[in-house]
């Protein structure tokens, strides 16, 4: 199997596992969002900082919904 296929398969399996964990924890993150988060963390973003940003965005989104 070519190395690129092996990497894609491993990445897909990782996202599958993270998606299952995300569902169990009710994070409400879809597969694409999880993929973005993994990419950001792999590129040096602090997981705690990323979690804080996601929480803040959700809080702001909730405030916008209640005002509408």
C-alpha atoms as a PDB file:
ATOM      1  CA  UNK A   1       0.000   0.000   0.000  1.00  0.00           C
ATOM      2  CA  UNK A   2       1.452   3.438  -0.922  1.00  0.00           C
ATOM      3  CA  UNK A   3       2.546   5.648   1.987  1.00  0.00           C
ATOM      4  CA  UNK A   4      -0.069   8.317   1.171  1.00  0.00           C
ATOM      5  CA  UNK A   5      -2.871   5.748   1.399  1.00  0.00           C
ATOM      6  CA  UNK A   6      -1.518   4.525   4.723  1.00  0.00           C
ATOM      7  CA  UNK A   7      -1.443   8.066   6.094  1.00  0.00           C
ATOM      8  CA  UNK A   8      -4.980   8.776   4.865  1.00  0.00           C
ATOM      9  CA  UNK A   9      -6.273   5.566   6.390  1.00  0.00           C
ATOM     10  CA  UNK A  10      -4.593   6.348   9.721  1.00  0.00           C
ATOM     11  CA  UNK A  11      -5.998   9.890   9.690  1.00  0.00           C
ATOM     12  CA  UNK A  12      -9.484   8.578   8.908  1.00  0.00           C
ATOM     13  CA  UNK A  13      -9.268   6.019  11.723  1.00  0.00           C
ATOM     14  CA  UNK A  14      -8.127   8.735  14.130  1.00  0.00           C
ATOM     15  CA  UNK A  15     -11.066  10.964  13.207  1.00  0.00           C
ATOM     16  CA  UNK A  16     -13.429   7.960  13.507  1.00  0.00           C
ATOM     17  CA  UNK A  17     -12.208   7.328  17.053  1.00  0.00           C
ATOM     18  CA  UNK A  18     -12.358  11.018  17.981  1.00  0.00           C
ATOM     19  CA  UNK A  19     -15.863  11.241  16.530  1.00  0.00           C
ATOM     20  CA  UNK A  20     -16.983   8.347  18.737  1.00  0.00           C
ATOM     21  CA  UNK A  21     -15.419   9.969  21.806  1.00  0.00           C
ATOM     22  CA  UNK A  22     -16.960  13.316  20.844  1.00  0.00           C
ATOM     23  CA  UNK A  23     -20.390  11.700  20.584  1.00  0.00           C
ATOM     24  CA  UNK A  24     -20.016   9.990  23.964  1.00  0.00           C
ATOM     25  CA  UNK A  25     -19.009  13.297  25.565  1.00  0.00           C
ATOM     26  CA  UNK A  26     -21.753  15.285  23.792  1.00  0.00           C
ATOM     27  CA  UNK A  27     -19.297  17.860  22.452  1.00  0.00           C
ATOM     28  CA  UNK A  28     -21.546  18.625  19.464  1.00  0.00           C
ATOM     29  CA  UNK A  29     -18.498  18.801  17.187  1.00  0.00           C
ATOM     30  CA  UNK A  30     -18.945  17.286  13.744  1.00  0.00           C
ATOM     31  CA  UNK A  31     -16.242  15.306  11.962  1.00  0.00           C
ATOM     32  CA  UNK A  32     -15.020  18.325  10.016  1.00  0.00           C
ATOM     33  CA  UNK A  33     -14.738  20.442  13.169  1.00  0.00           C
ATOM     34  CA  UNK A  34     -12.845  17.629  14.891  1.00  0.00           C
ATOM     35  CA  UNK A  35     -10.529  17.406  11.914  1.00  0.00           C
ATOM     36  CA  UNK A  36      -9.828  21.155  12.112  1.00  0.00           C
ATOM     37  CA  UNK A  37      -9.147  20.873  15.831  1.00  0.00           C
ATOM     38  CA  UNK A  38      -6.702  18.002  15.318  1.00  0.00           C
ATOM     39  CA  UNK A  39      -4.927  19.960  12.589  1.00  0.00           C
ATOM     40  CA  UNK A  40      -4.649  23.042  14.790  1.00  0.00           C
ATOM     41  CA  UNK A  41      -3.267  21.013  17.693  1.00  0.00           C
ATOM     42  CA  UNK A  42      -0.799  19.228  15.404  1.00  0.00           C
ATOM     43  CA  UNK A  43       0.400  22.670  14.295  1.00  0.00           C
ATOM     44  CA  UNK A  44       1.100  23.840  17.827  1.00  0.00           C
ATOM     45  CA  UNK A  45      -2.154  25.331  19.110  1.00  0.00           C
ATOM     46  CA  UNK A  46      -2.676  24.682  22.808  1.00  0.00           C
ATOM     47  CA  UNK A  47      -5.566  22.209  23.322  1.00  0.00           C
ATOM     48  CA  UNK A  48      -6.701  24.159  26.393  1.00  0.00           C
ATOM     49  CA  UNK A  49      -6.689  27.435  24.483  1.00  0.00           C
ATOM     50  CA  UNK A  50      -8.627  25.809  21.634  1.00  0.00           C
ATOM     51  CA  UNK A  51     -11.217  24.442  24.068  1.00  0.00           C
ATOM     52  CA  UNK A  52     -11.580  27.902  25.619  1.00  0.00           C
ATOM     53  CA  UNK A  53     -12.118  29.492  22.204  1.00  0.00           C
ATOM     54  CA  UNK A  54     -14.769  26.910  21.306  1.00  0.00           C
ATOM     55  CA  UNK A  55     -16.570  27.523  24.621  1.00  0.00           C
ATOM     56  CA  UNK A  56     -16.433  31.288  24.109  1.00  0.00           C
ATOM     57  CA  UNK A  57     -17.760  31.039  20.559  1.00  0.00           C
ATOM     58  CA  UNK A  58     -20.617  28.854  21.742  1.00  0.00           C
ATOM     59  CA  UNK A  59     -21.440  31.308  24.531  1.00  0.00           C
ATOM     60  CA  UNK A  60     -21.483  34.204  22.071  1.00  0.00           C
ATOM     61  CA  UNK A  61     -23.581  32.197  19.645  1.00  0.00           C
ATOM     62  CA  UNK A  62     -26.075  31.442  22.421  1.00  0.00           C
ATOM     63  CA  UNK A  63     -26.278  35.129  23.287  1.00  0.00           C
ATOM     64  CA  UNK A  64     -27.003  36.000  19.668  1.00  0.00           C
ATOM     65  CA  UNK A  65     -29.757  33.378  19.503  1.00  0.00           C
ATOM     66  CA  UNK A  66     -31.491  34.730  22.607  1.00  0.00           C
ATOM     67  CA  UNK A  67     -31.401  38.283  21.212  1.00  0.00           C
ATOM     68  CA  UNK A  68     -32.954  37.257  17.884  1.00  0.00           C
END
